[in-house]
Amino acid sequence: MAYVLQVDFKMEGPFGKEMAESFSGLAKSINQEEGFIWKIWTEDSEAKEAGGIYLFETKETAQKYLTMHTERLKGFGIEPVNGKIFEVNKKLTALNHGPVR
């Protein structure tokens, strides 16, 4: 079973190229998280929002990451953090070329 974690929050920046440069270390560290498969980074500079769509192997590893990431963001003064976990329907996702295992 695979689980999607959807996270979003308000953020002043950086966005775009500056975000990629500033957060590359964080991006590399996410690869080491238990149960992590992939992440799509999301941003909307006009609305001053950022976040991501993650795929985890289990609901438990998605929840563990969400808890840790929420605390990390709170440490940067970012609140509230919106997070939702969804089970992936692999059969339908595969029909639409979704990147699931």
C-alpha atoms as a PDB file:
ATOM      1  CA  MET A   1       0.000   0.000   0.000  1.00  0.00           C
ATOM      2  CA  ALA A   2       1.215   3.548  -0.694  1.00  0.00           C
ATOM      3  CA  TYR A   3       0.125   6.761   1.011  1.00  0.00           C
ATOM      4  CA  VAL A   4       0.162  10.358  -0.198  1.00  0.00           C
ATOM      5  CA  LEU A   5       0.936  13.118   2.262  1.00  0.00           C
ATOM      6  CA  GLN A   6      -0.289  16.566   1.218  1.00  0.00           C
ATOM      7  CA  VAL A   7       1.249  19.504   3.103  1.00  0.00           C
ATOM      8  CA  ASP A   8       0.770  23.257   2.651  1.00  0.00           C
ATOM      9  CA  PHE A   9       1.471  26.376   4.679  1.00  0.00           C
ATOM     10  CA  LYS A  10       1.912  30.144   4.383  1.00  0.00           C
ATOM     11  CA  MET A  11       5.504  31.249   3.777  1.00  0.00           C
ATOM     12  CA  GLU A  12       7.120  34.584   2.947  1.00  0.00           C
ATOM     13  CA  GLY A  13       9.697  32.962   0.666  1.00  0.00           C
ATOM     14  CA  PRO A  14      12.051  32.301  -0.942  1.00  0.00           C
ATOM     15  CA  PHE A  15      10.405  30.946  -4.086  1.00  0.00           C
ATOM     16  CA  GLY A  16      11.564  29.713  -7.478  1.00  0.00           C
ATOM     17  CA  LYS A  17      15.285  29.517  -8.117  1.00  0.00           C
ATOM     18  CA  GLU A  18      16.124  30.955  -4.690  1.00  0.00           C
ATOM     19  CA  MET A  19      13.947  28.327  -3.020  1.00  0.00           C
ATOM     20  CA  ALA A  20      15.716  25.557  -4.944  1.00  0.00           C
ATOM     21  CA  GLU A  21      19.102  26.882  -3.870  1.00  0.00           C
ATOM     22  CA  SER A  22      18.116  27.523  -0.245  1.00  0.00           C
ATOM     23  CA  PHE A  23      16.357  24.209   0.355  1.00  0.00           C
ATOM     24  CA  SER A  24      18.565  21.772  -1.558  1.00  0.00           C
ATOM     25  CA  GLY A  25      20.071  20.454   1.688  1.00  0.00           C
ATOM     26  CA  LEU A  26      16.609  19.877   3.106  1.00  0.00           C
ATOM     27  CA  ALA A  27      15.539  18.149  -0.113  1.00  0.00           C
ATOM     28  CA  LYS A  28      18.498  15.761   0.116  1.00  0.00           C
ATOM     29  CA  SER A  29      17.751  14.988   3.771  1.00  0.00           C
ATOM     30  CA  ILE A  30      14.130  14.073   2.967  1.00  0.00           C
ATOM     31  CA  ASN A  31      15.455  11.227   0.819  1.00  0.00           C
ATOM     32  CA  GLN A  32      16.714   9.590   4.022  1.00  0.00           C
ATOM     33  CA  GLU A  33      13.338   9.584   5.810  1.00  0.00           C
ATOM     34  CA  GLU A  34      11.873   6.194   6.696  1.00  0.00           C
ATOM     35  CA  GLY A  35       9.348   4.988   4.128  1.00  0.00           C
ATOM     36  CA  PHE A  36       9.891   7.966   1.806  1.00  0.00           C
ATOM     37  CA  ILE A  37       9.438   7.295  -1.939  1.00  0.00           C
ATOM     38  CA  TRP A  38       9.195  10.732  -3.627  1.00  0.00           C
ATOM     39  CA  LYS A  39       8.151  14.358  -3.217  1.00  0.00           C
ATOM     40  CA  ILE A  40       6.746  17.026  -5.526  1.00  0.00           C
ATOM     41  CA  TRP A  41       7.560  20.515  -4.208  1.00  0.00           C
ATOM     42  CA  THR A  42       4.726  23.062  -4.503  1.00  0.00           C
ATOM     43  CA  GLU A  43       4.815  26.851  -4.340  1.00  0.00           C
ATOM     44  CA  ASP A  44       2.662  29.877  -5.086  1.00  0.00           C
ATOM     45  CA  SER A  45       4.676  33.058  -4.665  1.00  0.00           C
ATOM     46  CA  GLU A  46       1.657  35.335  -5.209  1.00  0.00           C
ATOM     47  CA  ALA A  47      -0.351  33.660  -2.433  1.00  0.00           C
ATOM     48  CA  LYS A  48       2.826  33.173  -0.359  1.00  0.00           C
ATOM     49  CA  GLU A  49       2.174  29.443   0.052  1.00  0.00           C
ATOM     50  CA  ALA A  50       4.408  26.419  -0.218  1.00  0.00           C
ATOM     51  CA  GLY A  51       4.335  22.736   0.564  1.00  0.00           C
ATOM     52  CA  GLY A  52       4.566  19.407  -1.115  1.00  0.00           C
ATOM     53  CA  ILE A  53       2.981  16.177  -2.199  1.00  0.00           C
ATOM     54  CA  TYR A  54       4.854  13.155  -0.830  1.00  0.00           C
ATOM     55  CA  LEU A  55       4.545   9.422  -1.355  1.00  0.00           C
ATOM     56  CA  PHE A  56       5.326   7.098   1.565  1.00  0.00           C
ATOM     57  CA  GLU A  57       5.321   3.317   1.870  1.00  0.00           C
ATOM     58  CA  THR A  58       2.976   3.241   4.881  1.00  0.00           C
ATOM     59  CA  LYS A  59       0.470   5.448   6.655  1.00  0.00           C
ATOM     60  CA  GLU A  60       2.634   5.245   9.778  1.00  0.00           C
ATOM     61  CA  THR A  61       5.756   6.591   8.051  1.00  0.00           C
ATOM     62  CA  ALA A  62       3.710   9.389   6.436  1.00  0.00           C
ATOM     63  CA  GLN A  63       2.292  10.350   9.842  1.00  0.00           C
ATOM     64  CA  LYS A  64       5.721  10.187  11.490  1.00  0.00           C
ATOM     65  CA  TYR A  65       7.140  12.524   8.840  1.00  0.00           C
ATOM     66  CA  LEU A  66       4.169  14.919   9.076  1.00  0.00           C
ATOM     67  CA  THR A  67       4.587  15.171  12.850  1.00  0.00           C
ATOM     68  CA  MET A  68       8.333  15.839  12.581  1.00  0.00           C
ATOM     69  CA  HIS A  69       7.956  18.289   9.678  1.00  0.00           C
ATOM     70  CA  THR A  70       5.181  20.220  11.432  1.00  0.00           C
ATOM     71  CA  GLU A  71       7.414  20.691  14.486  1.00  0.00           C
ATOM     72  CA  ARG A  72      10.328  21.755  12.274  1.00  0.00           C
ATOM     73  CA  LEU A  73       8.186  24.360  10.498  1.00  0.00           C
ATOM     74  CA  LYS A  74       6.825  25.652  13.812  1.00  0.00           C
ATOM     75  CA  GLY A  75      10.452  26.158  14.839  1.00  0.00           C
ATOM     76  CA  PHE A  76      10.767  28.525  11.867  1.00  0.00           C
ATOM     77  CA  GLY A  77       7.614  30.371  12.974  1.00  0.00           C
ATOM     78  CA  ILE A  78       5.427  28.796  10.291  1.00  0.00           C
ATOM     79  CA  GLU A  79       1.923  28.016  11.581  1.00  0.00           C
ATOM     80  CA  PRO A  80      -0.516  26.565  10.844  1.00  0.00           C
ATOM     81  CA  VAL A  81       0.735  23.599   8.842  1.00  0.00           C
ATOM     82  CA  ASN A  82      -2.003  21.773   6.938  1.00  0.00           C
ATOM     83  CA  GLY A  83      -1.384  18.077   6.396  1.00  0.00           C
ATOM     84  CA  LYS A  84      -3.559  15.246   5.089  1.00  0.00           C
ATOM     85  CA  ILE A  85      -2.772  11.604   4.424  1.00  0.00           C
ATOM     86  CA  PHE A  86      -4.545   9.616   1.720  1.00  0.00           C
ATOM     87  CA  GLU A  87      -4.359   5.985   0.662  1.00  0.00           C
ATOM     88  CA  VAL A  88      -3.426   5.627  -3.013  1.00  0.00           C
ATOM     89  CA  ASN A  89      -5.675   3.670  -5.349  1.00  0.00           C
ATOM     90  CA  LYS A  90      -2.860   2.151  -7.388  1.00  0.00           C
ATOM     91  CA  LYS A  91      -5.063   0.654 -10.093  1.00  0.00           C
ATOM     92  CA  LEU A  92      -6.674   3.965 -11.060  1.00  0.00           C
ATOM     93  CA  THR A  93      -3.445   5.904 -10.538  1.00  0.00           C
ATOM     94  CA  ALA A  94      -1.635   3.568 -12.967  1.00  0.00           C
ATOM     95  CA  LEU A  95      -4.314   4.248 -15.602  1.00  0.00           C
ATOM     96  CA  ASN A  96      -3.409   7.932 -15.367  1.00  0.00           C
ATOM     97  CA  HIS A  97       0.381   7.345 -15.430  1.00  0.00           C
ATOM     98  CA  GLY A  98       0.836   8.168 -11.738  1.00  0.00           C
ATOM     99  CA  PRO A  99       4.304   7.418 -10.333  1.00  0.00           C
ATOM    100  CA  VAL A 100       3.434   4.711  -7.801  1.00  0.00           C
ATOM    101  CA  ARG A 101       5.117   1.386  -7.163  1.00  0.00           C
END
